[in-house]
Structure formats: C-alpha cells, structure tokens
Protein backbone atom coordinates (compact mmCIF):
# COMPACT_ATOMS: atom_id res chain seq x y z
CA MET A 1 -36.80 193.32 -75.27
CA ARG A 2 -38.57 192.39 -78.48
CA PRO A 3 -37.65 190.89 -81.82
CA THR A 4 -36.62 193.38 -84.47
CA SER A 5 -39.43 192.09 -86.67
CA SER A 6 -42.57 190.17 -85.80
CA PRO A 7 -44.96 188.90 -88.51
CA PRO A 8 -48.33 190.66 -88.05
CA ARG A 9 -51.18 188.48 -86.81
CA PRO A 10 -54.85 189.19 -87.67
CA LEU A 11 -56.89 190.64 -84.81
CA THR A 12 -59.83 188.57 -86.05
CA GLY A 13 -57.82 185.43 -85.30
CA LEU A 14 -57.23 186.58 -81.74
CA ALA A 15 -60.90 187.46 -81.34
CA THR A 16 -61.88 183.96 -82.46
CA MET A 17 -59.31 182.27 -80.18
CA LEU A 18 -60.50 184.23 -77.14
CA ASP A 19 -64.18 184.21 -78.09
CA ALA A 20 -64.02 187.94 -77.42
CA ASP A 21 -66.83 190.42 -78.00
CA SER A 22 -66.26 193.37 -80.29
CA GLY A 23 -66.48 196.65 -78.42
CA THR A 24 -67.94 198.34 -81.49
CA SER A 25 -70.26 197.44 -84.35
CA ARG A 26 -67.29 197.44 -86.71
CA SER A 27 -65.40 194.21 -87.45
CA PRO A 28 -62.09 194.05 -85.58
CA HIS A 29 -59.89 194.29 -88.68
CA ALA A 30 -56.30 195.05 -87.78
CA ALA A 31 -52.91 193.36 -87.94
CA ILE A 32 -51.04 193.23 -84.64
CA SER A 33 -47.32 192.56 -84.18
CA GLY A 34 -46.79 193.17 -80.47
CA VAL A 35 -48.49 193.48 -77.08
CA ALA A 36 -48.19 196.11 -74.35
CA ILE A 37 -50.00 196.70 -71.05
CA ASN A 38 -48.41 200.07 -70.33
CA SER A 39 -49.21 202.90 -72.72
CA ARG A 40 -45.61 204.12 -72.38
CA ASP A 41 -44.32 200.80 -73.74
CA VAL A 42 -46.52 200.76 -76.83
CA GLN A 43 -44.82 200.42 -80.21
CA ARG A 44 -46.28 200.76 -83.70
CA GLY A 45 -48.50 197.80 -84.53
CA ASP A 46 -49.21 196.84 -80.91
CA LEU A 47 -52.32 195.53 -79.27
CA TYR A 48 -52.82 197.66 -76.15
CA VAL A 49 -54.25 195.56 -73.32
CA ALA A 50 -55.99 197.95 -70.93
CA LEU A 51 -56.15 196.43 -67.45
CA PRO A 52 -57.97 197.63 -64.35
CA GLY A 53 -55.54 199.23 -61.91
CA SER A 54 -55.47 200.23 -58.26
CA ARG A 55 -55.65 203.96 -59.08
CA ALA A 56 -57.00 204.14 -62.63
CA HIS A 57 -58.16 201.84 -65.38
CA GLY A 58 -55.66 201.30 -68.17
CA ALA A 59 -58.35 202.21 -70.68
CA ALA A 60 -57.97 205.81 -69.54
CA TYR A 61 -54.63 205.78 -71.40
CA SER A 62 -55.99 204.35 -74.64
CA ALA A 63 -55.52 207.63 -76.50
CA GLU A 64 -51.86 207.77 -75.45
CA ALA A 65 -51.45 204.18 -76.58
CA MET A 66 -52.97 205.01 -79.95
CA ALA A 67 -50.66 208.03 -80.32
CA SER A 68 -47.69 205.70 -79.77
CA GLY A 69 -48.86 203.34 -82.51
CA ALA A 70 -51.39 200.94 -80.96
CA VAL A 71 -53.72 199.56 -83.65
CA ALA A 72 -56.26 197.88 -81.36
CA VAL A 73 -57.33 197.71 -77.70
CA LEU A 74 -58.33 194.72 -75.62
CA THR A 75 -60.03 195.44 -72.32
CA ASP A 76 -62.94 194.52 -70.04
CA ARG A 77 -66.48 195.93 -69.82
CA GLU A 78 -65.36 198.63 -67.41
CA GLY A 79 -62.81 199.95 -69.86
CA ARG A 80 -64.97 199.64 -72.98
CA ASP A 81 -66.19 203.23 -73.40
CA GLU A 82 -62.79 204.89 -73.06
CA ALA A 83 -61.23 202.34 -75.43
CA VAL A 84 -64.01 202.78 -78.02
CA ALA A 85 -63.59 206.57 -77.88
CA THR A 86 -60.24 206.19 -79.66
CA GLY A 87 -61.92 204.82 -82.78
CA LEU A 88 -59.62 201.80 -82.72
CA PRO A 89 -60.93 198.24 -82.99
CA VAL A 90 -61.75 197.02 -79.47
CA LEU A 91 -62.06 193.50 -78.05
CA ILE A 92 -63.89 192.87 -74.78
CA VAL A 93 -63.16 189.94 -72.44
CA PRO A 94 -64.19 189.42 -68.79
CA ASP A 95 -60.65 189.24 -67.34
CA PRO A 96 -57.88 190.53 -69.62
CA ARG A 97 -55.06 189.83 -67.14
CA ALA A 98 -55.94 186.14 -66.99
CA LEU A 99 -55.42 185.92 -70.76
CA LEU A 100 -52.18 187.92 -71.08
CA GLY A 101 -49.90 184.90 -71.43
CA GLN A 102 -52.13 183.25 -74.01
CA ILE A 103 -52.47 186.50 -75.96
CA ALA A 104 -48.76 187.36 -75.96
CA SER A 105 -47.73 183.82 -76.87
CA TRP A 106 -50.13 183.83 -79.84
CA VAL A 107 -49.12 187.28 -81.10
CA TYR A 108 -45.41 186.38 -81.07
CA GLY A 109 -45.92 182.95 -82.63
CA GLN A 110 -45.48 180.83 -79.49
CA PRO A 111 -41.73 181.48 -79.15
CA ALA A 112 -41.41 179.59 -75.86
CA HIS A 113 -42.20 176.39 -77.76
CA ASP A 114 -39.00 176.81 -79.80
CA ILE A 115 -36.62 177.15 -76.83
CA GLN A 116 -35.76 174.65 -74.10
CA ILE A 117 -36.69 176.54 -70.93
CA LEU A 118 -35.57 175.70 -67.41
CA GLY A 119 -37.20 177.36 -64.38
CA VAL A 120 -35.91 178.08 -60.87
CA THR A 121 -38.17 178.93 -57.93
CA GLY A 122 -37.67 179.25 -54.17
CA THR A 123 -36.92 182.03 -51.69
CA SER A 124 -33.13 182.23 -51.84
CA GLY A 125 -30.58 181.13 -54.41
CA LYS A 126 -32.66 181.71 -57.54
CA SER A 127 -30.32 184.23 -59.15
CA THR A 128 -27.12 182.32 -58.37
CA SER A 129 -28.68 179.06 -59.55
CA THR A 130 -29.81 180.59 -62.84
CA PHE A 131 -26.34 182.02 -63.53
CA MET A 132 -24.83 178.61 -62.80
CA ILE A 133 -27.33 176.84 -65.06
CA GLU A 134 -26.72 179.35 -67.85
CA ALA A 135 -22.97 178.66 -67.59
CA GLY A 136 -23.71 174.95 -67.87
CA LEU A 137 -25.93 175.46 -70.92
CA ARG A 138 -23.17 177.43 -72.62
CA ALA A 139 -20.65 174.69 -71.79
CA ALA A 140 -23.02 172.24 -73.48
CA GLY A 141 -22.90 174.27 -76.70
CA HIS A 142 -26.16 176.16 -76.37
CA SER A 143 -26.63 179.77 -77.27
CA ALA A 144 -28.18 180.52 -73.89
CA GLY A 145 -30.64 182.96 -72.41
CA LEU A 146 -31.25 184.07 -68.82
CA VAL A 147 -34.22 185.85 -67.25
CA GLY A 148 -33.95 187.08 -63.67
CA GLY A 149 -33.84 189.92 -61.22
CA VAL A 150 -30.13 190.69 -61.70
CA GLU A 151 -29.73 190.62 -65.48
CA ILE A 152 -31.49 189.41 -68.62
CA HIS A 153 -29.45 187.73 -71.35
CA ALA A 154 -30.49 186.84 -74.89
CA GLY A 155 -27.39 185.23 -76.31
CA ASP A 156 -24.83 188.05 -76.22
CA LEU A 157 -27.44 190.76 -75.61
CA ARG A 158 -27.82 192.18 -72.09
CA PHE A 159 -30.77 194.00 -70.52
CA GLU A 160 -31.61 195.41 -67.11
CA PRO A 161 -34.73 193.80 -65.58
CA ARG A 162 -37.71 195.63 -64.14
CA LEU A 163 -39.12 192.63 -62.26
CA THR A 164 -37.72 189.25 -61.16
CA THR A 165 -40.09 187.67 -63.68
CA PRO A 166 -41.32 190.03 -66.43
CA GLU A 167 -45.01 190.53 -67.17
CA ALA A 168 -46.33 188.05 -69.76
CA PRO A 169 -46.22 190.38 -72.82
CA GLU A 170 -42.62 191.36 -72.07
CA LEU A 171 -41.66 187.75 -71.34
CA HIS A 172 -43.03 186.35 -74.59
CA GLY A 173 -41.56 189.28 -76.51
CA LEU A 174 -38.23 188.41 -74.92
CA PHE A 175 -38.55 184.76 -75.93
CA ALA A 176 -39.34 185.92 -79.47
CA LEU A 177 -36.15 187.99 -79.41
CA MET A 178 -34.21 184.98 -78.10
CA ARG A 179 -35.58 182.86 -80.94
CA GLU A 180 -34.63 185.56 -83.44
CA VAL A 181 -30.98 185.67 -82.24
CA GLY A 182 -30.66 181.89 -82.13
CA VAL A 183 -31.01 181.08 -78.42
CA SER A 184 -31.62 177.35 -78.05
CA ALA A 185 -32.01 177.07 -74.26
CA ALA A 186 -32.82 179.53 -71.49
CA VAL A 187 -33.11 179.54 -67.72
CA MET A 188 -35.32 181.87 -65.72
CA GLU A 189 -36.28 182.79 -62.19
CA VAL A 190 -39.94 182.06 -61.50
CA SER A 191 -41.20 184.20 -58.64
CA SER A 192 -44.30 183.53 -56.56
CA HIS A 193 -45.75 186.81 -57.87
CA ALA A 194 -45.28 185.52 -61.42
CA LEU A 195 -47.10 182.28 -60.65
CA ALA A 196 -49.91 184.00 -58.76
CA LEU A 197 -50.44 186.75 -61.34
CA GLY A 198 -50.12 184.59 -64.46
CA ARG A 199 -46.92 186.19 -65.74
CA VAL A 200 -45.58 182.81 -66.87
CA ASP A 201 -48.79 181.64 -68.56
CA GLY A 202 -47.97 180.18 -71.95
CA VAL A 203 -44.53 178.96 -70.84
CA PHE A 204 -43.68 175.27 -70.35
CA TYR A 205 -40.56 174.32 -68.40
CA ASP A 206 -38.52 171.32 -69.43
CA VAL A 207 -37.10 171.18 -65.88
CA ALA A 208 -38.18 173.14 -62.79
CA LEU A 209 -35.85 173.55 -59.78
CA PHE A 210 -36.93 174.27 -56.18
CA THR A 211 -34.14 175.74 -54.02
CA ASN A 212 -35.64 176.39 -50.55
CA LEU A 213 -38.33 178.34 -48.75
CA SER A 214 -38.19 180.89 -45.92
CA GLN A 215 -40.27 183.89 -44.93
CA ASP A 216 -40.75 186.47 -47.65
CA HIS A 217 -43.52 188.28 -49.52
CA LEU A 218 -46.10 187.92 -46.76
CA ASP A 219 -47.25 191.40 -47.72
CA PHE A 220 -48.51 189.74 -50.93
CA HIS A 221 -49.45 186.21 -49.84
CA LYS A 222 -52.08 185.75 -47.14
CA ASP A 223 -49.81 183.43 -45.14
CA PHE A 224 -46.72 181.23 -45.42
CA GLU A 225 -48.69 178.19 -46.57
CA ASP A 226 -50.20 180.22 -49.41
CA TYR A 227 -46.67 181.29 -50.36
CA PHE A 228 -45.56 177.65 -50.49
CA ALA A 229 -48.66 176.48 -52.37
CA THR A 230 -48.05 179.19 -54.99
CA LYS A 231 -44.46 178.02 -55.51
CA ALA A 232 -45.70 174.42 -55.79
CA ARG A 233 -47.86 175.35 -58.80
CA LEU A 234 -44.73 175.24 -60.94
CA PHE A 235 -44.53 171.48 -60.44
CA GLN A 236 -47.76 170.61 -62.23
CA PRO A 237 -47.97 168.93 -65.67
CA GLU A 238 -49.34 172.03 -67.36
CA LEU A 239 -46.21 173.99 -66.40
CA SER A 240 -43.29 171.55 -66.25
CA ARG A 241 -42.06 168.15 -67.44
CA VAL A 242 -39.92 167.19 -64.44
CA GLY A 243 -38.96 168.76 -61.12
CA VAL A 244 -35.76 168.92 -59.07
CA THR A 245 -36.00 169.61 -55.33
CA ASN A 246 -33.68 170.23 -52.39
CA ILE A 247 -34.71 167.78 -49.64
CA ASP A 248 -32.38 169.42 -47.11
CA ASP A 249 -35.09 172.06 -46.99
CA ARG A 250 -38.28 171.13 -45.14
CA TYR A 251 -40.49 172.53 -47.87
CA GLY A 252 -38.36 171.00 -50.59
CA ARG A 253 -39.15 167.63 -49.04
CA GLU A 254 -42.82 168.47 -48.58
CA LEU A 255 -42.98 169.41 -52.26
CA LEU A 256 -42.63 165.72 -53.09
CA GLY A 257 -46.16 165.20 -51.80
CA LEU A 258 -47.63 168.12 -53.76
CA ALA A 259 -45.86 167.85 -57.11
CA LYS A 260 -47.71 166.13 -59.94
CA VAL A 261 -44.64 165.67 -62.15
CA PRO A 262 -41.72 163.23 -61.70
CA MET A 263 -39.34 164.62 -59.08
CA THR A 264 -35.56 164.25 -58.70
CA THR A 265 -34.08 164.93 -55.26
CA PHE A 266 -30.73 166.32 -54.14
CA SER A 267 -28.99 166.97 -50.83
CA ALA A 268 -25.96 169.17 -50.23
CA LEU A 269 -25.77 167.61 -46.75
CA GLY A 270 -25.27 164.13 -48.17
CA ASP A 271 -28.70 162.75 -47.13
CA PRO A 272 -28.66 159.08 -48.26
CA GLU A 273 -32.35 159.35 -49.25
CA ALA A 274 -31.48 161.83 -51.99
CA GLN A 275 -30.85 160.66 -55.53
CA TRP A 276 -28.02 163.20 -55.91
CA ARG A 277 -25.68 164.09 -53.04
CA ALA A 278 -22.72 166.34 -52.29
CA LEU A 279 -19.96 164.48 -50.45
CA ASP A 280 -16.49 165.46 -49.22
CA VAL A 281 -17.50 169.11 -49.07
CA ARG A 282 -14.58 171.49 -48.59
CA LEU A 283 -15.39 175.12 -47.79
CA GLY A 284 -13.03 178.06 -48.21
CA ALA A 285 -13.09 181.84 -48.25
CA ASP A 286 -12.59 181.86 -52.02
CA GLY A 287 -14.94 179.05 -52.96
CA SER A 288 -15.93 175.46 -52.30
CA ALA A 289 -15.29 171.98 -53.63
CA PHE A 290 -17.27 168.76 -53.36
CA ARG A 291 -17.93 165.44 -55.03
CA VAL A 292 -21.34 164.97 -56.62
CA VAL A 293 -22.68 161.41 -56.54
CA GLY A 294 -25.79 160.43 -58.47
CA PRO A 295 -27.94 157.44 -59.37
CA GLY A 296 -26.05 154.29 -60.24
CA GLY A 297 -22.88 155.62 -58.62
CA VAL A 298 -22.08 158.26 -61.24
CA GLU A 299 -19.88 160.94 -59.76
CA ALA A 300 -17.76 163.97 -60.55
CA ASP A 301 -15.66 166.53 -58.70
CA VAL A 302 -17.03 170.05 -58.52
CA GLN A 303 -15.14 173.25 -57.75
CA ILE A 304 -16.91 176.61 -57.56
CA SER A 305 -15.68 180.15 -56.99
CA LEU A 306 -18.56 181.13 -54.71
CA PRO A 307 -18.08 180.52 -50.96
CA GLY A 308 -20.51 179.09 -48.44
CA PRO A 309 -22.50 175.88 -47.96
CA PHE A 310 -25.60 177.48 -49.51
CA ASN A 311 -23.63 177.88 -52.73
CA VAL A 312 -22.75 174.19 -52.58
CA ALA A 313 -26.52 173.61 -52.53
CA ASN A 314 -27.01 176.07 -55.40
CA ALA A 315 -24.29 174.39 -57.45
CA LEU A 316 -25.61 170.88 -56.79
CA GLY A 317 -29.14 171.92 -57.74
CA ALA A 318 -27.82 173.54 -60.92
CA VAL A 319 -25.84 170.42 -61.88
CA VAL A 320 -28.84 168.14 -61.33
CA THR A 321 -31.13 170.47 -63.29
CA LEU A 322 -28.68 170.49 -66.20
CA VAL A 323 -28.38 166.71 -66.17
CA GLU A 324 -32.18 166.36 -66.16
CA SER A 325 -32.28 168.70 -69.17
CA GLY A 326 -29.95 166.39 -71.10
CA VAL A 327 -26.52 167.91 -70.40
CA PRO A 328 -23.83 165.27 -69.63
CA LEU A 329 -22.68 165.29 -65.99
CA GLN A 330 -19.06 166.22 -66.70
CA THR A 331 -20.15 169.04 -69.00
CA ALA A 332 -22.58 170.34 -66.38
CA VAL A 333 -19.89 170.25 -63.69
CA HIS A 334 -17.41 172.06 -65.92
CA GLY A 335 -19.94 174.74 -66.83
CA VAL A 336 -21.08 175.40 -63.28
CA GLY A 337 -17.47 175.53 -62.12
CA SER A 338 -16.60 178.09 -64.81
CA LEU A 339 -18.83 180.75 -63.25
CA THR A 340 -16.59 183.28 -61.51
CA GLY A 341 -19.33 185.20 -59.72
CA VAL A 342 -22.81 186.71 -59.74
CA PRO A 343 -23.31 190.50 -59.38
CA GLY A 344 -24.16 191.34 -55.78
CA ARG A 345 -24.15 187.72 -54.59
CA MET A 346 -21.34 187.15 -52.08
CA GLN A 347 -19.36 189.54 -54.26
CA ARG A 348 -15.91 190.20 -52.87
CA ILE A 349 -14.89 193.84 -53.05
CA THR A 350 -11.35 194.19 -54.25
CA GLY A 351 -9.12 196.74 -52.66
CA ALA A 352 -9.50 195.60 -49.08
CA ASP A 353 -6.05 195.34 -47.56
CA ASP A 354 -4.61 192.16 -46.11
CA GLU A 355 -6.15 192.93 -42.74
CA PHE A 356 -9.81 192.24 -43.52
CA GLN A 357 -12.27 191.11 -46.19
CA ALA A 358 -15.49 192.73 -47.42
CA VAL A 359 -18.36 191.23 -49.41
CA VAL A 360 -21.67 192.55 -50.71
CA ASP A 361 -24.66 190.23 -50.78
CA TYR A 362 -28.33 190.55 -51.72
CA SER A 363 -29.55 188.67 -48.62
CA HIS A 364 -32.70 190.53 -47.62
CA LYS A 365 -34.73 187.71 -46.07
CA PRO A 366 -34.30 186.01 -42.69
CA GLY A 367 -33.20 182.68 -44.13
CA ALA A 368 -30.69 184.28 -46.47
CA VAL A 369 -29.21 186.49 -43.73
CA GLU A 370 -28.77 183.45 -41.50
CA SER A 371 -27.14 181.41 -44.28
CA VAL A 372 -24.71 184.19 -45.17
CA LEU A 373 -23.66 184.79 -41.58
CA ARG A 374 -23.20 181.10 -40.82
CA SER A 375 -21.15 180.66 -43.99
CA LEU A 376 -18.90 183.64 -43.31
CA ARG A 377 -18.45 182.68 -39.67
CA ALA A 378 -16.75 179.48 -40.85
CA VAL A 379 -14.10 181.44 -42.76
CA THR A 380 -13.68 184.43 -40.42
CA ALA A 381 -10.75 184.46 -38.04
CA GLY A 382 -11.62 187.79 -36.42
CA THR A 383 -14.77 189.86 -36.01
CA LEU A 384 -17.79 189.27 -38.25
CA THR A 385 -19.67 192.51 -38.97
CA ILE A 386 -22.93 192.85 -40.86
CA VAL A 387 -24.39 196.08 -42.23
CA LEU A 388 -28.11 195.44 -42.64
CA GLY A 389 -31.40 197.20 -43.24
CA CYS A 390 -34.95 196.19 -44.17
CA GLY A 391 -37.04 197.46 -47.06
CA GLY A 392 -40.02 199.73 -46.56
CA ASP A 393 -43.50 198.98 -47.91
CA ARG A 394 -42.67 195.28 -47.85
CA ASP A 395 -43.27 192.33 -45.50
CA SER A 396 -42.87 194.06 -42.13
CA GLY A 397 -42.90 190.73 -40.28
CA LYS A 398 -39.36 190.05 -41.51
CA ARG A 399 -37.85 193.03 -39.70
CA PRO A 400 -37.60 191.74 -36.12
CA ILE A 401 -36.62 188.31 -37.41
CA MET A 402 -33.75 189.76 -39.44
CA GLY A 403 -32.70 191.98 -36.54
CA GLU A 404 -32.67 188.99 -34.20
CA CYS A 405 -30.72 186.90 -36.70
CA ALA A 406 -28.04 189.56 -37.17
CA ALA A 407 -27.70 190.14 -33.43
CA ARG A 408 -27.43 186.41 -32.75
CA LEU A 409 -24.97 185.41 -35.46
CA ALA A 410 -22.70 188.44 -35.99
CA ASP A 411 -20.19 190.02 -33.65
CA VAL A 412 -21.12 193.53 -34.75
CA ALA A 413 -24.48 194.41 -36.32
CA ILE A 414 -24.82 197.87 -37.83
CA PHE A 415 -28.50 198.52 -38.56
CA THR A 416 -29.13 201.06 -41.31
CA SER A 417 -31.55 202.03 -44.07
CA ASP A 418 -32.19 199.75 -47.03
CA ASN A 419 -34.91 201.03 -49.38
CA PRO A 420 -37.28 202.79 -46.94
CA ARG A 421 -39.61 203.86 -49.77
CA SER A 422 -42.56 205.71 -48.20
CA GLU A 423 -41.90 204.56 -44.62
CA ASP A 424 -40.04 206.27 -41.80
CA PRO A 425 -36.55 204.69 -41.72
CA LEU A 426 -36.40 205.05 -37.94
CA ALA A 427 -39.60 203.02 -37.54
CA ILE A 428 -38.07 200.22 -39.62
CA LEU A 429 -34.91 200.33 -37.50
CA ALA A 430 -37.00 200.18 -34.33
CA ALA A 431 -38.63 196.96 -35.54
CA MET A 432 -35.20 195.46 -36.27
CA MET A 433 -33.99 196.49 -32.83
CA GLU A 434 -37.04 194.86 -31.25
CA GLY A 435 -35.83 191.56 -32.67
CA ALA A 436 -32.23 192.16 -31.64
CA LEU A 437 -33.29 192.67 -28.03
CA ARG A 438 -34.76 189.17 -27.98
CA VAL A 439 -31.20 187.83 -27.97
CA PRO A 440 -29.80 187.54 -24.43
CA GLN A 441 -27.28 190.31 -23.78
CA HIS A 442 -24.35 187.95 -23.25
CA ASP A 443 -25.01 186.35 -26.68
CA ARG A 444 -25.94 189.53 -28.52
CA ALA A 445 -23.75 191.26 -31.09
CA HIS A 446 -22.62 194.80 -30.46
CA VAL A 447 -25.50 196.60 -32.18
CA ILE A 448 -25.01 200.05 -33.72
CA ILE A 449 -27.78 202.08 -35.34
CA GLU A 450 -26.70 204.39 -38.15
CA PRO A 451 -29.61 205.37 -40.46
CA ASP A 452 -27.31 206.77 -43.17
CA ARG A 453 -26.31 203.75 -45.26
CA ALA A 454 -23.08 205.23 -46.62
CA ALA A 455 -22.03 206.27 -43.10
CA ALA A 456 -22.88 202.79 -41.79
CA ILE A 457 -20.68 201.18 -44.44
CA GLY A 458 -17.90 203.65 -43.72
CA LEU A 459 -18.12 202.88 -40.02
CA ALA A 460 -17.87 199.12 -40.65
CA VAL A 461 -14.78 199.56 -42.83
CA ALA A 462 -13.12 202.02 -40.44
CA ARG A 463 -13.56 199.59 -37.51
CA ALA A 464 -12.22 196.53 -39.35
CA GLY A 465 -9.14 194.83 -37.94
CA HIS A 466 -6.90 191.88 -38.73
CA GLY A 467 -8.83 188.78 -39.83
CA ASP A 468 -12.20 190.57 -39.80
CA MET A 469 -15.04 190.03 -42.27
CA ILE A 470 -17.60 192.64 -43.32
CA VAL A 471 -20.80 191.74 -45.16
CA VAL A 472 -23.00 194.53 -46.49
CA ALA A 473 -26.35 192.85 -46.95
CA GLY A 474 -29.71 193.56 -48.52
CA LYS A 475 -29.20 195.43 -51.79
CA GLY A 476 -26.58 193.42 -53.66
CA HIS A 477 -26.57 194.40 -57.34
CA GLU A 478 -29.02 197.31 -56.92
CA GLN A 479 -27.79 200.70 -58.07
CA GLY A 480 -30.35 202.92 -56.40
CA GLN A 481 -31.94 203.56 -53.02
CA TYR A 482 -35.71 204.13 -52.94
CA VAL A 483 -36.51 206.97 -50.56
CA SER A 484 -39.80 208.92 -50.40
CA GLY A 485 -40.74 208.38 -54.02
CA GLU A 486 -37.25 209.09 -55.34
CA VAL A 487 -34.49 206.77 -56.51
CA ILE A 488 -31.15 208.02 -55.22
CA PRO A 489 -28.07 206.59 -56.97
CA PHE A 490 -26.51 204.12 -54.55
CA ASP A 491 -24.43 201.00 -55.18
CA ASP A 492 -23.19 199.11 -52.11
CA ARG A 493 -20.21 197.81 -54.08
CA GLU A 494 -19.07 201.31 -55.01
CA VAL A 495 -19.66 202.68 -51.52
CA VAL A 496 -17.67 199.84 -49.91
CA ALA A 497 -14.80 200.37 -52.37
CA GLU A 498 -14.83 204.13 -51.66
CA ALA A 499 -14.78 203.50 -47.91
CA ILE A 500 -11.79 201.18 -48.33
CA ASP A 501 -9.94 203.81 -50.38
CA ALA A 502 -10.72 206.44 -47.74
CA ARG A 503 -9.37 204.16 -45.03
CA LYS A 504 -6.15 203.67 -46.97
CA GLU A 505 -5.74 207.39 -47.52
CA SER A 506 -6.31 208.17 -43.86
CA ARG A 507 -3.62 205.68 -42.88
CA LYS A 508 -1.08 207.39 -45.10
CA HIS A 509 -1.23 210.55 -42.98
C-alpha cells in the first residue's frame, strides 16, 4: 500500500529535522523513498526503522533489511552496533517509535495534508460508520478512501488490512498512494491502540466521530478509564478540527467535558438536548427508516438497508459527520442510504428458506452482543439463537459478561470456539458458562456447549424452525480461525451457507 513512485528525500534532511545522532563517523548521505519497520516489508530505497521488540531488537534484522534494499537504518542506542555492522548510514534517536509518524509523513511528502480525512473512534460501530461515511463522500463527488479493519480502499483499489489502524509508516504510505490515485477525501477507523502507540501521528482529522464505549481491550489498557481517556485524545486540537459525539452513550456525553475542540452532538433516541436527532424511527428486519432533524429545523428522511437501532445510531452519526465535513444534508442522506451492507456486519446469509433467517455479525464485545440481540429480538417472531465464542489471548474479563448477556437475551445460546489462539478452548468456554449461570434458571436461555465452531453453526441451522432467527457472532468478515499458532481457513458466512444447503438436502430425502 504505497505509491508507485515517491520522490527520494535526503537522509541529511531527516537527520536535521530529528536532531538525530549519526551512528557512524561517516555523514549520513543517502536518498530515502520509503519507510519500513519490518525487515520483510522493506523495499528498495527504504529507511529501515529498527525498533526494540518483546523478543528481539529490530536491529538484529538490519542485514535482512539491507538485502531487501534498505539504504539507511534509524534506531536507538541499543540497536546501534547491529545497525552499524551493515555498513549503511545509521541515525540514532532515543525513542524511534515515538517519531514514526513524523518520519513517515516527511518521507512521503506529508500526504495526509493533501486529503480531507475523517476519523471514527469508539468500541462498536466503527466499521459500519466508516463504510457509511465513505458512501456519503462518494455521493458528494469525492474520489474516496477508507481505512479500517474490514477493508482498505484507495479510490477503486482494494486491500486487506493487517490491523484496524495501520502502523504509521504503512498509513502514510497509504495516504501517499491515495494522493497519487486522486483521492480527495478519506475516512478511517482510529483504534485506541493507534492513539496509544502513535500510529496516527502526523495525521490531522477534519472531523472526528465518537460512536460509543463499552468494555474491550482491557488486556492492553490498565483499566476502563484509561481506555476512555485514550479515545478522548482524538478530540484535541493537535489531532482534529471538530468532533461529533453520540450523547445517548454515557461516555459520549462525558466526552463533552474532555474534548478541547468544538463538539456537535447527536441522539438516535431523540434526546432534545442533542443538536441532531433521529425521530419517527421505524425498524424492520431488512433495514430502518427515520427522520433526521438538525439545527435550525433542517430535516431529511433517511432509509438504510442495515437493521437494528444501533445502525440508526451509526447512520445518524455518519450523516452528521458528513455535514460537518461540508457535505450537504440531502447528499449525505442519499449517500448513507445507498450503502447496501458491510461485510460481516449484520450480514444476511442468502439461501435460508422461508422458515428462518440467519445473519453473521462481528459483535465480539459485551455491548455489541447486547445491541445485536436486542435488535434482532424486535424482528424475531420465533426463537432467537446465538452462536458465540470469545477470543483467546485477549481481554478475559469479557468472557463471563458475554456469556451472561447471551444467556439473558437469547432463547438458545450455543457457546463455541472463536479464535482460541494459544489458550485452551474449554477454559474459555468455562468462563462464558460462569457468566451464563449468573442468570436465574427461569430467565436463562437454553445453553449448549459445542467447541467445534462448524458443528455449532450446523446445530443452530438444523434446529431452526418457522420464524426463528440465528445470529453467528464474533468473527464477522474474518476468513480464518487462529488456533495454536495456526490460521485455519474459516469463514462464518460460508459455513452458515453450507449448513443451510445441507439442511435443504437432508429434507429432500
């Protein structure tokens, strides 16, 4: 995700900008045209930034970086000797990671300054909101870009992401590519990891949107308040011009007291204190409709293809963000309404017979699971079944909460494996069951434990009856399952479709 050509920049200019020490007695003469922090990503003409790691220092891979075409190395004192051993020019700074955004922006000619960039942060709804905003930007005549955990778009180009928010060198290289292909406006997910680790350094957001906050990533943040404070960093003058916040969410309202930029408020529940409100909300199994009312009485009718009240909130936030960016209200409404779906987000699986419906959703956090189940309950005539697991090597505190939520709000909860990674899947399931048992027996869903995810999905489909709804939650758009250091091909959407076909075949005989 780089431009096809990038004008070389003098290493001496970078050394002067950073006030960096030379790692050798030689002058740092080299021309650099790209930046990489992984030796496997190095291309000819790159500056290799060797960072300290949890297992090894990146400088240990300096020779590999040079073999791939690196023309210089930037590292810290600890990595100096191994970098110098390559014979390449070396720059030394105290904390290379803290400078990555500044370095990458400079090397690529500050591409983020040439594109109108909109940012979306929060726990749930980031991906859907960014897809909606991108649709609105296209409706407004922009050649648009999108950066997120589902897909990356640069005009008509498509890429598969590695992280929700790319590392700074990859991000600025991507913006340089966007500039090269004529992108005029882009929207991106801004994760708490990205804000904490400086991945978005060197990027300024014309508008920043806050969706909501619920428990997640407490394996990374020291506590929930730290998680919130990290998200709130986006709403400071050095990172954004104006903010948009959802005051239906407790933390979205609290953000008003922390933000240091002008804030615009919205409410999908019609709160009269909000500047923008959703009124006359009509929910259906195939989508939702509402009237958006803004300052001065401006209003428009909105119709979206995505079901559920949380998608009303996503759509309203997207419309307000677009308006704040300069898109006319009617254009914003038309663009958001033109989006037919987001991969793995309340994605209906075709092929289900008239008896029942099946959807796949990425909900892998307590708040998201609750929102999905409450939304589907409103449009389910029969039994509501959820197939759910929890990821390994991630915030373990979510597991009993998610188990309790599923047992409280579904009729049938089938607990299964998600991405167990290095953990014992049965231990994860035990933690989920611990939460489920907190629900009184007379209010508790029928809970089934089936560790094999494909078998769990097959069981849900085989049991479905007239008017039933199945939601397979947790993995959404993902196409692999992480188990004991391996990635096994697995796509919930394909597995659900196969289970439906198998059900049909069995009923023929």
